[in-house]
Amino acid sequence: MRTTPDLYDDFEDIATTCSVQFRDFGGKKQFSGKIRTVKCRNDNQLFRALMDEPGEGAVAVVDGKSSTEVALIGDIIAAKAAKNGWSGVVILGAVRDVAELAKIDLGVKALGANPAKSIKRGQGAVDVVLHFGGARFEPGHFIYCDENGLLIAPKALA
């Protein structure tokens, strides 16, 4: 995969970046794919259900409303996501099981870590347009992630 700065230089007319300063937690530092979205806060039931689906190389973007009160993903969900073919997850929220996440072949970007588990009420929405960090995350668009940040585009970039 080309780096996000190189992609931005070549596609700045259609690509946008996200200003949120995410940390890398997964075993993959560079990942990309079609966007799937989840909107939730402190409740990972819908996100967990999405990770049960075939990922087909997609990236789940999760708007956890910047809450780091609980973790939205840990080693069990991450391992399931990798097994089901997801390329990665970007979480505007927290993770847990940090040492284990680093061993899983999945890109994981999040704000931070918290050992507390989430609630499970199924509150939120899947495959809705999300807005954060000056970026628009639309299901079916593409996201490119690396150590430099996030780049979002309406189509796959060569």
C-alpha atoms as a PDB file:
ATOM      1  CA  MET A   1       0.000   0.000   0.000  1.00  0.00           C
ATOM      2  CA  ARG A   2       1.238   3.494  -0.807  1.00  0.00           C
ATOM      3  CA  THR A   3       1.571   5.836   2.155  1.00  0.00           C
ATOM      4  CA  THR A   4      -1.245   8.225   2.986  1.00  0.00           C
ATOM      5  CA  PRO A   5       0.972  11.285   2.274  1.00  0.00           C
ATOM      6  CA  ASP A   6       1.737   9.958  -1.225  1.00  0.00           C
ATOM      7  CA  LEU A   7      -1.925   9.194  -1.848  1.00  0.00           C
ATOM      8  CA  TYR A   8      -2.915  12.636  -0.595  1.00  0.00           C
ATOM      9  CA  ASP A   9      -0.387  14.322  -2.899  1.00  0.00           C
ATOM     10  CA  ASP A  10      -1.803  12.460  -5.904  1.00  0.00           C
ATOM     11  CA  PHE A  11      -5.509  12.669  -4.995  1.00  0.00           C
ATOM     12  CA  GLU A  12      -5.941  15.808  -2.867  1.00  0.00           C
ATOM     13  CA  ASP A  13      -8.735  16.965  -5.165  1.00  0.00           C
ATOM     14  CA  ILE A  14     -10.974  14.091  -3.998  1.00  0.00           C
ATOM     15  CA  ALA A  15      -9.388  12.820  -0.764  1.00  0.00           C
ATOM     16  CA  THR A  16      -9.826  14.156   2.764  1.00  0.00           C
ATOM     17  CA  THR A  17      -7.930  13.538   5.958  1.00  0.00           C
ATOM     18  CA  CYS A  18      -9.057  13.116   9.547  1.00  0.00           C
ATOM     19  CA  SER A  19      -7.524  15.400  12.178  1.00  0.00           C
ATOM     20  CA  VAL A  20      -8.067  12.992  15.099  1.00  0.00           C
ATOM     21  CA  GLN A  21      -4.733  11.760  16.438  1.00  0.00           C
ATOM     22  CA  PHE A  22      -5.327   8.005  16.712  1.00  0.00           C
ATOM     23  CA  ARG A  23      -2.932   5.503  18.272  1.00  0.00           C
ATOM     24  CA  ASP A  24      -2.049   2.185  16.625  1.00  0.00           C
ATOM     25  CA  PHE A  25      -2.886  -0.945  18.623  1.00  0.00           C
ATOM     26  CA  GLY A  26      -3.204  -3.770  16.070  1.00  0.00           C
ATOM     27  CA  GLY A  27      -0.656  -6.039  14.444  1.00  0.00           C
ATOM     28  CA  LYS A  28      -1.081  -4.220  11.103  1.00  0.00           C
ATOM     29  CA  LYS A  29       0.079  -0.607  10.908  1.00  0.00           C
ATOM     30  CA  GLN A  30      -1.003  -0.070   7.284  1.00  0.00           C
ATOM     31  CA  PHE A  31      -4.474  -1.102   6.190  1.00  0.00           C
ATOM     32  CA  SER A  32      -7.206   0.017   3.846  1.00  0.00           C
ATOM     33  CA  GLY A  33     -10.555  -0.994   2.474  1.00  0.00           C
ATOM     34  CA  LYS A  34     -14.184  -0.145   1.911  1.00  0.00           C
ATOM     35  CA  ILE A  35     -15.778   1.676   4.812  1.00  0.00           C
ATOM     36  CA  ARG A  36     -18.467   0.108   7.007  1.00  0.00           C
ATOM     37  CA  THR A  37     -19.653   2.219   9.946  1.00  0.00           C
ATOM     38  CA  VAL A  38     -21.037   1.852  13.440  1.00  0.00           C
ATOM     39  CA  LYS A  39     -22.317   4.697  15.602  1.00  0.00           C
ATOM     40  CA  CYS A  40     -22.389   3.865  19.307  1.00  0.00           C
ATOM     41  CA  ARG A  41     -21.263   5.114  22.718  1.00  0.00           C
ATOM     42  CA  ASN A  42     -20.023   2.692  25.361  1.00  0.00           C
ATOM     43  CA  ASP A  43     -22.083  -0.121  23.757  1.00  0.00           C
ATOM     44  CA  ASN A  44     -20.328  -2.549  21.409  1.00  0.00           C
ATOM     45  CA  GLN A  45     -23.165  -4.979  20.642  1.00  0.00           C
ATOM     46  CA  LEU A  46     -23.796  -3.705  17.089  1.00  0.00           C
ATOM     47  CA  PHE A  47     -20.041  -3.452  16.412  1.00  0.00           C
ATOM     48  CA  ARG A  48     -19.488  -6.989  17.679  1.00  0.00           C
ATOM     49  CA  ALA A  49     -22.295  -8.273  15.425  1.00  0.00           C
ATOM     50  CA  LEU A  50     -20.726  -6.525  12.415  1.00  0.00           C
ATOM     51  CA  MET A  51     -17.392  -8.266  13.118  1.00  0.00           C
ATOM     52  CA  ASP A  52     -19.276 -11.599  12.850  1.00  0.00           C
ATOM     53  CA  GLU A  53     -20.000 -10.802   9.196  1.00  0.00           C
ATOM     54  CA  PRO A  54     -17.535 -11.508   6.364  1.00  0.00           C
ATOM     55  CA  GLY A  55     -15.271  -8.463   6.200  1.00  0.00           C
ATOM     56  CA  GLU A  56     -14.066  -8.924   2.608  1.00  0.00           C
ATOM     57  CA  GLY A  57     -11.162  -6.566   3.321  1.00  0.00           C
ATOM     58  CA  ALA A  58     -13.339  -3.747   4.678  1.00  0.00           C
ATOM     59  CA  VAL A  59     -12.504  -1.327   7.485  1.00  0.00           C
ATOM     60  CA  ALA A  60     -15.009  -0.683  10.265  1.00  0.00           C
ATOM     61  CA  VAL A  61     -15.132   2.951  11.363  1.00  0.00           C
ATOM     62  CA  VAL A  62     -16.713   3.220  14.812  1.00  0.00           C
ATOM     63  CA  ASP A  63     -17.918   6.525  16.218  1.00  0.00           C
ATOM     64  CA  GLY A  64     -17.796   5.936  19.954  1.00  0.00           C
ATOM     65  CA  LYS A  65     -18.328   9.660  20.598  1.00  0.00           C
ATOM     66  CA  SER A  66     -14.713   9.986  21.873  1.00  0.00           C
ATOM     67  CA  SER A  67     -15.608   8.073  25.037  1.00  0.00           C
ATOM     68  CA  THR A  68     -12.719   6.260  26.680  1.00  0.00           C
ATOM     69  CA  GLU A  69     -14.873   5.195  29.638  1.00  0.00           C
ATOM     70  CA  VAL A  70     -15.041   1.597  28.345  1.00  0.00           C
ATOM     71  CA  ALA A  71     -13.390  -0.437  25.594  1.00  0.00           C
ATOM     72  CA  LEU A  72     -15.325  -1.141  22.397  1.00  0.00           C
ATOM     73  CA  ILE A  73     -12.940  -3.897  21.221  1.00  0.00           C
ATOM     74  CA  GLY A  74     -10.606  -6.387  22.869  1.00  0.00           C
ATOM     75  CA  ASP A  75      -8.649  -9.427  21.779  1.00  0.00           C
ATOM     76  CA  ILE A  76     -11.677 -11.715  21.274  1.00  0.00           C
ATOM     77  CA  ILE A  77     -13.542  -9.383  18.887  1.00  0.00           C
ATOM     78  CA  ALA A  78     -10.303  -8.413  17.125  1.00  0.00           C
ATOM     79  CA  ALA A  79      -9.343 -12.058  16.539  1.00  0.00           C
ATOM     80  CA  LYS A  80     -12.854 -12.718  15.189  1.00  0.00           C
ATOM     81  CA  ALA A  81     -12.577  -9.703  12.859  1.00  0.00           C
ATOM     82  CA  ALA A  82      -9.214 -10.875  11.507  1.00  0.00           C
ATOM     83  CA  LYS A  83     -10.559 -14.413  11.007  1.00  0.00           C
ATOM     84  CA  ASN A  84     -13.593 -13.036   9.161  1.00  0.00           C
ATOM     85  CA  GLY A  85     -11.468 -11.057   6.693  1.00  0.00           C
ATOM     86  CA  TRP A  86     -11.662  -7.504   8.044  1.00  0.00           C
ATOM     87  CA  SER A  87      -8.668  -5.326   7.165  1.00  0.00           C
ATOM     88  CA  GLY A  88      -8.968  -3.129  10.238  1.00  0.00           C
ATOM     89  CA  VAL A  89     -10.999  -0.977  12.578  1.00  0.00           C
ATOM     90  CA  VAL A  90     -10.832   2.720  13.423  1.00  0.00           C
ATOM     91  CA  ILE A  91     -12.449   3.495  16.764  1.00  0.00           C
ATOM     92  CA  LEU A  92     -13.241   6.955  18.095  1.00  0.00           C
ATOM     93  CA  GLY A  93     -13.091   5.401  21.542  1.00  0.00           C
ATOM     94  CA  ALA A  94     -11.047   2.919  23.564  1.00  0.00           C
ATOM     95  CA  VAL A  95      -9.698  -0.632  23.289  1.00  0.00           C
ATOM     96  CA  ARG A  96      -8.519  -3.203  25.826  1.00  0.00           C
ATOM     97  CA  ASP A  97      -6.188  -6.231  25.797  1.00  0.00           C
ATOM     98  CA  VAL A  98      -3.495  -4.026  24.272  1.00  0.00           C
ATOM     99  CA  ALA A  99      -0.664  -6.600  24.348  1.00  0.00           C
ATOM    100  CA  GLU A 100      -2.844  -9.181  22.612  1.00  0.00           C
ATOM    101  CA  LEU A 101      -4.164  -6.724  20.000  1.00  0.00           C
ATOM    102  CA  ALA A 102      -0.570  -6.094  18.873  1.00  0.00           C
ATOM    103  CA  LYS A 103      -0.267  -9.810  17.959  1.00  0.00           C
ATOM    104  CA  ILE A 104      -3.428  -9.959  15.821  1.00  0.00           C
ATOM    105  CA  ASP A 105      -3.225  -9.438  12.043  1.00  0.00           C
ATOM    106  CA  LEU A 106      -5.702  -6.579  12.078  1.00  0.00           C
ATOM    107  CA  GLY A 107      -5.280  -2.823  11.860  1.00  0.00           C
ATOM    108  CA  VAL A 108      -6.608  -1.201  15.029  1.00  0.00           C
ATOM    109  CA  LYS A 109      -6.621   2.546  15.543  1.00  0.00           C
ATOM    110  CA  ALA A 110      -8.240   4.074  18.624  1.00  0.00           C
ATOM    111  CA  LEU A 111      -7.942   6.989  21.037  1.00  0.00           C
ATOM    112  CA  GLY A 112      -6.644   4.983  23.980  1.00  0.00           C
ATOM    113  CA  ALA A 113      -7.141   1.984  26.233  1.00  0.00           C
ATOM    114  CA  ASN A 114      -9.348   1.119  29.196  1.00  0.00           C
ATOM    115  CA  PRO A 115      -9.720  -2.321  30.810  1.00  0.00           C
ATOM    116  CA  ALA A 116     -13.473  -1.823  31.374  1.00  0.00           C
ATOM    117  CA  LYS A 117     -15.816  -3.756  29.074  1.00  0.00           C
ATOM    118  CA  SER A 118     -18.683  -2.084  27.263  1.00  0.00           C
ATOM    119  CA  ILE A 119     -22.385  -2.340  27.879  1.00  0.00           C
ATOM    120  CA  LYS A 120     -24.437  -4.542  25.561  1.00  0.00           C
ATOM    121  CA  ARG A 121     -27.812  -3.007  24.805  1.00  0.00           C
ATOM    122  CA  GLY A 122     -27.610  -2.771  21.018  1.00  0.00           C
ATOM    123  CA  GLN A 123     -27.910   1.024  21.015  1.00  0.00           C
ATOM    124  CA  GLY A 124     -26.604   2.866  17.980  1.00  0.00           C
ATOM    125  CA  ALA A 125     -26.693   2.423  14.208  1.00  0.00           C
ATOM    126  CA  VAL A 126     -24.806   0.527  11.492  1.00  0.00           C
ATOM    127  CA  ASP A 127     -23.862   1.782   8.013  1.00  0.00           C
ATOM    128  CA  VAL A 128     -24.731   5.427   8.618  1.00  0.00           C
ATOM    129  CA  VAL A 129     -22.658   8.422   7.546  1.00  0.00           C
ATOM    130  CA  LEU A 130     -20.289   9.538  10.328  1.00  0.00           C
ATOM    131  CA  HIS A 131     -18.572  12.887  10.811  1.00  0.00           C
ATOM    132  CA  PHE A 132     -15.570  13.504  13.058  1.00  0.00           C
ATOM    133  CA  GLY A 133     -12.122  15.052  12.819  1.00  0.00           C
ATOM    134  CA  GLY A 134     -13.208  17.173   9.858  1.00  0.00           C
ATOM    135  CA  ALA A 135     -13.899  14.054   7.791  1.00  0.00           C
ATOM    136  CA  ARG A 136     -16.984  12.335   6.422  1.00  0.00           C
ATOM    137  CA  PHE A 137     -17.033   8.543   6.631  1.00  0.00           C
ATOM    138  CA  GLU A 138     -19.594   7.151   4.203  1.00  0.00           C
ATOM    139  CA  PRO A 139     -20.283   3.426   3.889  1.00  0.00           C
ATOM    140  CA  GLY A 140     -18.932   2.176   0.567  1.00  0.00           C
ATOM    141  CA  HIS A 141     -16.260   4.873   0.316  1.00  0.00           C
ATOM    142  CA  PHE A 142     -12.610   3.937   0.935  1.00  0.00           C
ATOM    143  CA  ILE A 143     -10.231   4.561   3.820  1.00  0.00           C
ATOM    144  CA  TYR A 144      -6.453   4.306   3.890  1.00  0.00           C
ATOM    145  CA  CYS A 145      -4.698   4.091   7.258  1.00  0.00           C
ATOM    146  CA  ASP A 146      -1.044   4.117   8.248  1.00  0.00           C
ATOM    147  CA  GLU A 147       1.290   5.676  10.794  1.00  0.00           C
ATOM    148  CA  ASN A 148       0.632   9.102   9.234  1.00  0.00           C
ATOM    149  CA  GLY A 149      -3.120   9.043   9.806  1.00  0.00           C
ATOM    150  CA  LEU A 150      -6.321   8.474   7.852  1.00  0.00           C
ATOM    151  CA  LEU A 151      -7.178   9.330   4.253  1.00  0.00           C
ATOM    152  CA  ILE A 152     -10.740   9.003   2.992  1.00  0.00           C
ATOM    153  CA  ALA A 153     -11.817   8.912  -0.662  1.00  0.00           C
ATOM    154  CA  PRO A 154     -15.081   8.258  -2.520  1.00  0.00           C
ATOM    155  CA  LYS A 155     -13.401   5.604  -4.676  1.00  0.00           C
ATOM    156  CA  ALA A 156     -10.464   3.196  -4.551  1.00  0.00           C
ATOM    157  CA  LEU A 157      -7.152   4.990  -5.154  1.00  0.00           C
ATOM    158  CA  ALA A 158      -4.457   3.403  -7.322  1.00  0.00           C
END
